[in-house]
Protein backbone atom coordinates (compact mmCIF):
# COMPACT_ATOMS: atom_id res chain seq x y z
CA MET A 1 -0.01 -0.02 -0.07
CA ASP A 2 1.38 3.62 -1.01
CA TYR A 3 0.42 5.51 2.22
CA ALA A 4 1.49 8.83 0.43
CA ARG A 5 -0.89 8.08 -2.30
CA GLU A 6 -3.61 7.31 0.12
CA GLY A 7 -3.36 10.63 2.01
CA VAL A 8 -2.14 8.81 5.16
CA ARG A 9 0.11 11.53 6.75
CA HIS A 10 2.74 10.63 9.23
CA GLU A 11 3.76 13.00 12.09
CA PRO A 12 7.52 12.92 13.02
CA ALA A 13 7.78 11.50 16.61
CA PRO A 14 9.08 13.75 19.27
CA PRO A 15 12.81 14.27 19.78
CA ILE A 16 14.14 11.64 22.17
CA PRO A 17 15.32 13.81 25.33
CA GLU A 18 19.25 13.52 25.89
CA TRP A 19 19.06 11.89 29.10
CA ALA A 20 16.77 9.25 28.14
CA MET A 21 19.35 8.14 25.56
CA LYS A 22 21.73 6.95 28.65
CA LEU A 23 18.74 4.81 30.13
CA SER A 24 16.88 1.70 29.43
CA ALA A 25 13.21 1.43 28.66
CA GLY A 26 12.50 0.89 32.29
CA GLN A 27 14.66 3.40 33.86
CA THR A 28 13.31 6.01 31.19
CA GLY A 29 9.68 5.32 32.15
CA LEU A 30 10.58 5.65 36.13
CA MET A 31 12.07 8.81 35.55
CA GLN A 32 9.27 10.08 33.44
CA GLY A 33 6.83 9.06 35.84
CA LEU A 34 9.02 11.06 38.54
CA LEU A 35 9.12 14.07 36.50
CA GLU A 36 5.27 14.12 35.66
CA VAL A 37 4.29 14.23 39.27
CA TYR A 38 6.61 16.37 40.48
CA PRO A 39 7.36 17.41 43.59
CA ARG A 40 5.05 14.63 44.85
CA VAL A 41 6.76 11.62 46.04
CA LEU A 42 5.92 8.24 44.89
CA ASP A 43 6.11 5.25 46.86
CA ARG A 44 7.98 1.71 45.71
CA TRP A 45 4.80 0.36 45.82
CA PHE A 46 3.13 2.71 43.32
CA LEU A 47 6.46 2.63 41.20
CA GLU A 48 6.45 -1.12 40.98
CA ALA A 49 3.14 -1.36 40.11
CA GLU A 50 2.59 1.71 37.71
CA VAL A 51 5.91 2.11 36.24
CA ILE A 52 8.08 -0.63 35.91
CA PRO A 53 7.66 -2.77 32.85
CA LYS A 54 6.13 -6.06 33.94
CA ALA A 55 8.78 -8.14 32.11
CA ASP A 56 11.51 -6.63 34.65
CA ARG A 57 9.54 -7.70 37.57
CA ALA A 58 10.42 -11.36 39.30
CA HIS A 59 7.55 -12.44 41.68
CA ASP A 60 10.06 -12.51 44.65
CA ARG A 61 11.79 -9.13 44.36
CA CYS A 62 9.49 -7.06 43.04
CA ILE A 63 10.12 -4.06 45.17
CA LYS A 64 13.80 -4.66 44.84
CA ILE A 65 13.54 -3.76 41.30
CA VAL A 66 12.95 -0.04 42.01
CA ASP A 67 15.91 0.11 44.08
CA VAL A 68 17.70 -1.48 41.42
CA TYR A 69 16.47 1.23 38.87
CA VAL A 70 17.20 3.94 41.13
CA LEU A 71 20.62 3.11 41.45
CA LYS A 72 21.37 2.56 38.15
CA ILE A 73 19.55 5.72 37.04
CA ARG A 74 21.95 7.72 39.53
CA ARG A 75 25.31 6.01 38.39
CA ARG A 76 24.39 7.14 34.67
CA LEU A 77 22.64 10.62 35.43
CA GLY A 78 24.21 11.79 38.85
CA LEU A 79 22.98 11.49 42.26
CA GLU A 80 20.97 14.53 42.47
CA VAL A 81 18.53 13.31 39.91
CA ILE A 82 16.36 11.21 42.24
CA GLU A 83 15.82 12.52 45.58
CA THR A 84 15.09 9.80 48.48
CA VAL A 85 12.52 10.75 50.85
CA HIS A 86 13.20 8.46 53.81
CA GLY A 87 9.63 6.48 55.02
CA LEU A 88 8.00 7.85 51.92
CA GLY A 89 9.23 7.02 48.48
CA PHE A 90 11.29 8.98 45.76
CA ARG A 91 10.75 12.33 44.04
CA CYS A 92 12.56 13.92 41.06
CA GLY A 93 14.99 16.02 42.12
CA GLU A 94 14.80 19.76 42.02
CA ALA A 95 17.45 20.61 39.43
CA PHE A 96 16.55 17.91 37.22
CA HIS A 97 12.96 19.26 37.05
CA ALA A 98 14.10 22.57 36.58
CA LYS A 99 16.13 21.44 33.61
CA TYR A 100 13.98 18.43 31.82
CA GLY A 101 10.30 19.14 33.57
CA ASP A 102 7.11 19.98 31.76
CA ASN A 103 5.43 22.87 33.03
CA GLU A 104 2.48 22.92 30.71
CA GLY A 105 0.81 19.59 32.10
CA ARG A 106 1.46 17.80 28.88
CA GLY A 107 2.94 14.03 29.08
CA LEU A 108 6.65 14.22 28.58
CA SER A 109 7.64 11.48 26.05
CA PRO A 110 4.60 9.95 23.91
CA TRP A 111 7.13 7.48 22.32
CA LEU A 112 7.19 5.60 25.55
């Protein structure tokens, strides 16, 4: 089928943020989730259930995967990227949000 002849238009994909190029899909999803709800804190249970891809979850280590993702993100992007709020969970770092956050309320990455 010739899509151009049929009048089907394809819009170009939005550019991928530079920080996302350094992370896996699951890690990018976690960062996107934290960016979208900034300055709210997300707990491990929510991150595991709503953000982490099901393929990355092992039955006996579900919550630990969040800690592993946070560790790997901090190693690749810096310690200040994710703040730990002891007893509550995690939130996006203020400096990271100021640089990459979306202040207009739209989703950050429709390509995920």
